[in-house]
Amino acid sequence: MIEIILADYHNPAHQQALLLLLDAYARDPMGGGQGLDEDVLANLLPMLAAEPGAFSILAFVDEHPAGLVNCFQSLSTFRAKPLINIHDVAVLPEYRSRGLSSAMLDKVEEIARERGCCKLTLEVLEGNKIARRAYEKLGFSGYELDPKLGQALFWEKKLD
């Protein structure tokens, strides 16, 4: 049985599932290949709970944690409406190819529509062809304002 739910950051079972799934994602090559630091494991849940726009979707298969999507509500300045940034999408290897990521992202879209959001955004590694195909099937595409200027690039500047 598959269950897709909105995580409760104060529910111990949801807390345990979220940390287990996020750490597994961090250990995956698509998540960087290293587990989460102890400081992250200790501080993440209180920080998520305190972040007004944060929410997470959990997937359980036969009551076992199987998938996670972490999201943050933000604002589209060009549309003056809220948007949802999908920050992490993870499915444990043994549960892949069961439609869990699609089901979780459908739940994210449902929540975004309820909140009056104008769009969903996400980041995907260029080499993650499986995820890219899945996202394209769900209607995601590269972002551009003018085709002559090309697609937007996601950059970072680390501060620590």
Protein backbone atom coordinates (compact mmCIF):
# COMPACT_ATOMS: atom_id res chain seq x y z
CA MET A 1 0.00 0.00 0.00
CA ILE A 2 1.30 3.46 -0.96
CA GLU A 3 0.54 6.46 1.22
CA ILE A 4 1.46 10.05 0.24
CA ILE A 5 1.13 12.53 3.12
CA LEU A 6 1.98 16.04 4.20
CA ALA A 7 4.62 15.65 6.91
CA ASP A 8 3.99 16.92 10.41
CA TYR A 9 7.35 18.26 11.63
CA HIS A 10 6.27 17.57 15.24
CA ASN A 11 5.31 13.92 14.67
CA PRO A 12 8.20 11.65 15.79
CA ALA A 13 7.48 9.05 13.06
CA HIS A 14 7.50 11.76 10.39
CA GLN A 15 10.67 13.27 11.86
CA GLN A 16 12.45 9.93 11.75
CA ALA A 17 11.29 9.24 8.19
CA LEU A 18 12.31 12.68 6.95
CA LEU A 19 15.82 12.47 8.39
CA LEU A 20 16.31 8.88 7.19
CA LEU A 21 15.19 9.76 3.65
CA LEU A 22 17.13 13.02 3.40
CA ASP A 23 20.31 11.37 4.69
CA ALA A 24 19.89 8.53 2.18
CA TYR A 25 19.42 11.13 -0.59
CA ALA A 26 22.57 12.98 0.53
CA ARG A 27 24.51 9.69 0.35
CA ASP A 28 23.27 9.02 -3.21
CA PRO A 29 25.50 10.25 -6.06
CA MET A 30 22.66 12.58 -7.13
CA GLY A 31 22.68 14.09 -3.64
CA GLY A 32 26.43 14.59 -3.39
CA GLY A 33 27.52 11.16 -2.10
CA GLN A 34 27.97 12.12 1.57
CA GLY A 35 25.63 11.69 4.51
CA LEU A 36 24.33 14.65 6.46
CA ASP A 37 26.48 16.16 9.22
CA GLU A 38 25.40 15.54 12.81
CA ASP A 39 24.66 19.27 13.18
CA VAL A 40 22.26 19.11 10.23
CA LEU A 41 20.53 16.03 11.63
CA ALA A 42 20.16 17.75 15.01
CA ASN A 43 18.97 21.14 13.76
CA LEU A 44 17.05 20.57 10.54
CA LEU A 45 13.64 19.62 11.95
CA PRO A 46 13.33 22.57 14.35
CA MET A 47 14.42 24.88 11.54
CA LEU A 48 11.89 23.42 9.10
CA ALA A 49 9.15 23.69 11.71
CA ALA A 50 10.03 27.35 12.30
CA GLU A 51 10.13 28.21 8.58
CA PRO A 52 6.63 29.49 7.67
CA GLY A 53 6.80 28.48 4.00
CA ALA A 54 8.37 25.05 4.49
CA PHE A 55 6.51 21.81 3.95
CA SER A 56 7.47 18.24 3.16
CA ILE A 57 5.70 15.36 1.48
CA LEU A 58 6.43 11.81 2.58
CA ALA A 59 5.76 8.58 0.71
CA PHE A 60 5.31 5.35 2.63
CA VAL A 61 5.11 1.89 1.07
CA ASP A 62 3.58 -0.70 3.36
CA GLU A 63 4.23 1.74 6.23
CA HIS A 64 7.97 2.00 5.39
CA PRO A 65 9.48 5.42 4.53
CA ALA A 66 10.14 5.41 0.78
CA GLY A 67 10.19 8.96 -0.57
CA LEU A 68 10.50 12.62 0.33
CA VAL A 69 9.93 16.02 -1.25
CA ASN A 70 10.98 19.18 0.63
CA CYS A 71 9.40 22.45 -0.50
CA PHE A 72 9.54 26.15 0.30
CA GLN A 73 6.97 28.76 -0.55
CA SER A 74 8.39 31.95 -1.99
CA LEU A 75 7.20 34.82 -4.17
CA SER A 76 7.23 35.47 -7.91
CA THR A 77 8.02 39.16 -8.21
CA PHE A 78 7.02 39.16 -11.90
CA ARG A 79 3.57 37.73 -11.08
CA ALA A 80 3.07 39.08 -7.52
CA LYS A 81 1.91 35.63 -6.48
CA PRO A 82 3.36 32.87 -4.35
CA LEU A 83 5.36 30.03 -5.87
CA ILE A 84 6.66 26.73 -4.52
CA ASN A 85 10.31 25.79 -4.89
CA ILE A 86 10.75 22.02 -4.79
CA HIS A 87 14.08 21.71 -3.05
CA ASP A 88 14.63 17.95 -2.62
CA VAL A 89 13.05 14.98 -4.38
CA ALA A 90 14.21 11.60 -3.15
CA VAL A 91 13.02 8.01 -3.46
CA LEU A 92 14.96 5.16 -1.88
CA PRO A 93 16.44 2.85 -4.56
CA GLU A 94 14.33 -0.15 -3.57
CA TYR A 95 11.13 1.87 -4.14
CA ARG A 96 11.99 3.49 -7.47
CA SER A 97 9.93 2.89 -10.64
CA ARG A 98 6.68 2.74 -8.66
CA GLY A 99 5.48 6.27 -9.47
CA LEU A 100 6.27 7.66 -6.02
CA SER A 101 7.98 10.83 -7.24
CA SER A 102 5.05 11.58 -9.54
CA ALA A 103 2.55 10.98 -6.74
CA MET A 104 4.49 13.19 -4.34
CA LEU A 105 4.83 15.96 -6.92
CA ASP A 106 1.11 15.72 -7.66
CA LYS A 107 0.53 16.35 -3.94
CA VAL A 108 2.89 19.34 -4.06
CA GLU A 109 0.95 20.73 -7.02
CA GLU A 110 -2.34 20.23 -5.16
CA ILE A 111 -0.99 22.22 -2.19
CA ALA A 112 0.41 24.92 -4.50
CA ARG A 113 -2.97 25.34 -6.22
CA GLU A 114 -4.72 25.55 -2.83
CA ARG A 115 -2.29 28.34 -1.86
CA GLY A 116 -2.87 30.26 -5.09
CA CYS A 117 0.65 29.72 -6.39
CA CYS A 118 1.53 30.69 -9.95
CA LYS A 119 4.23 28.06 -10.50
CA LEU A 120 6.43 25.29 -9.19
CA THR A 121 10.20 25.48 -9.55
CA LEU A 122 12.87 22.85 -9.05
CA GLU A 123 16.51 22.15 -9.73
CA VAL A 124 17.79 19.02 -11.43
CA LEU A 125 21.32 17.96 -12.26
CA GLU A 126 22.03 18.03 -15.98
CA GLY A 127 23.26 14.43 -15.89
CA ASN A 128 20.24 13.07 -14.01
CA LYS A 129 18.45 11.94 -17.15
CA ILE A 130 15.91 9.74 -15.35
CA ALA A 131 14.72 12.61 -13.16
CA ARG A 132 14.72 15.03 -16.08
CA ARG A 133 12.46 12.72 -18.10
CA ALA A 134 10.14 12.26 -15.13
CA TYR A 135 9.90 16.02 -14.56
CA GLU A 136 9.25 16.67 -18.25
CA LYS A 137 6.38 14.15 -18.18
CA LEU A 138 4.90 16.15 -15.29
CA GLY A 139 5.09 19.40 -17.30
CA PHE A 140 8.36 20.90 -16.05
CA SER A 141 10.74 22.49 -18.52
CA GLY A 142 13.78 24.73 -18.65
CA TYR A 143 13.08 28.34 -17.70
CA GLU A 144 13.64 31.16 -20.15
CA LEU A 145 12.23 34.62 -20.71
CA ASP A 146 13.48 35.01 -24.27
CA PRO A 147 14.75 32.05 -26.34
CA LYS A 148 17.50 34.28 -27.78
CA LEU A 149 18.95 34.67 -24.28
CA GLY A 150 18.79 30.96 -23.42
CA GLN A 151 17.65 29.06 -20.37
CA ALA A 152 18.22 30.23 -16.82
CA LEU A 153 21.14 28.68 -14.95
CA PHE A 154 21.13 27.83 -11.26
CA TRP A 155 24.30 29.14 -9.59
CA GLU A 156 25.53 29.24 -6.03
CA LYS A 157 28.06 31.05 -3.91
CA LYS A 158 28.92 29.14 -0.74
CA LEU A 159 29.24 31.27 2.36
CA ASP A 160 30.67 28.68 4.75
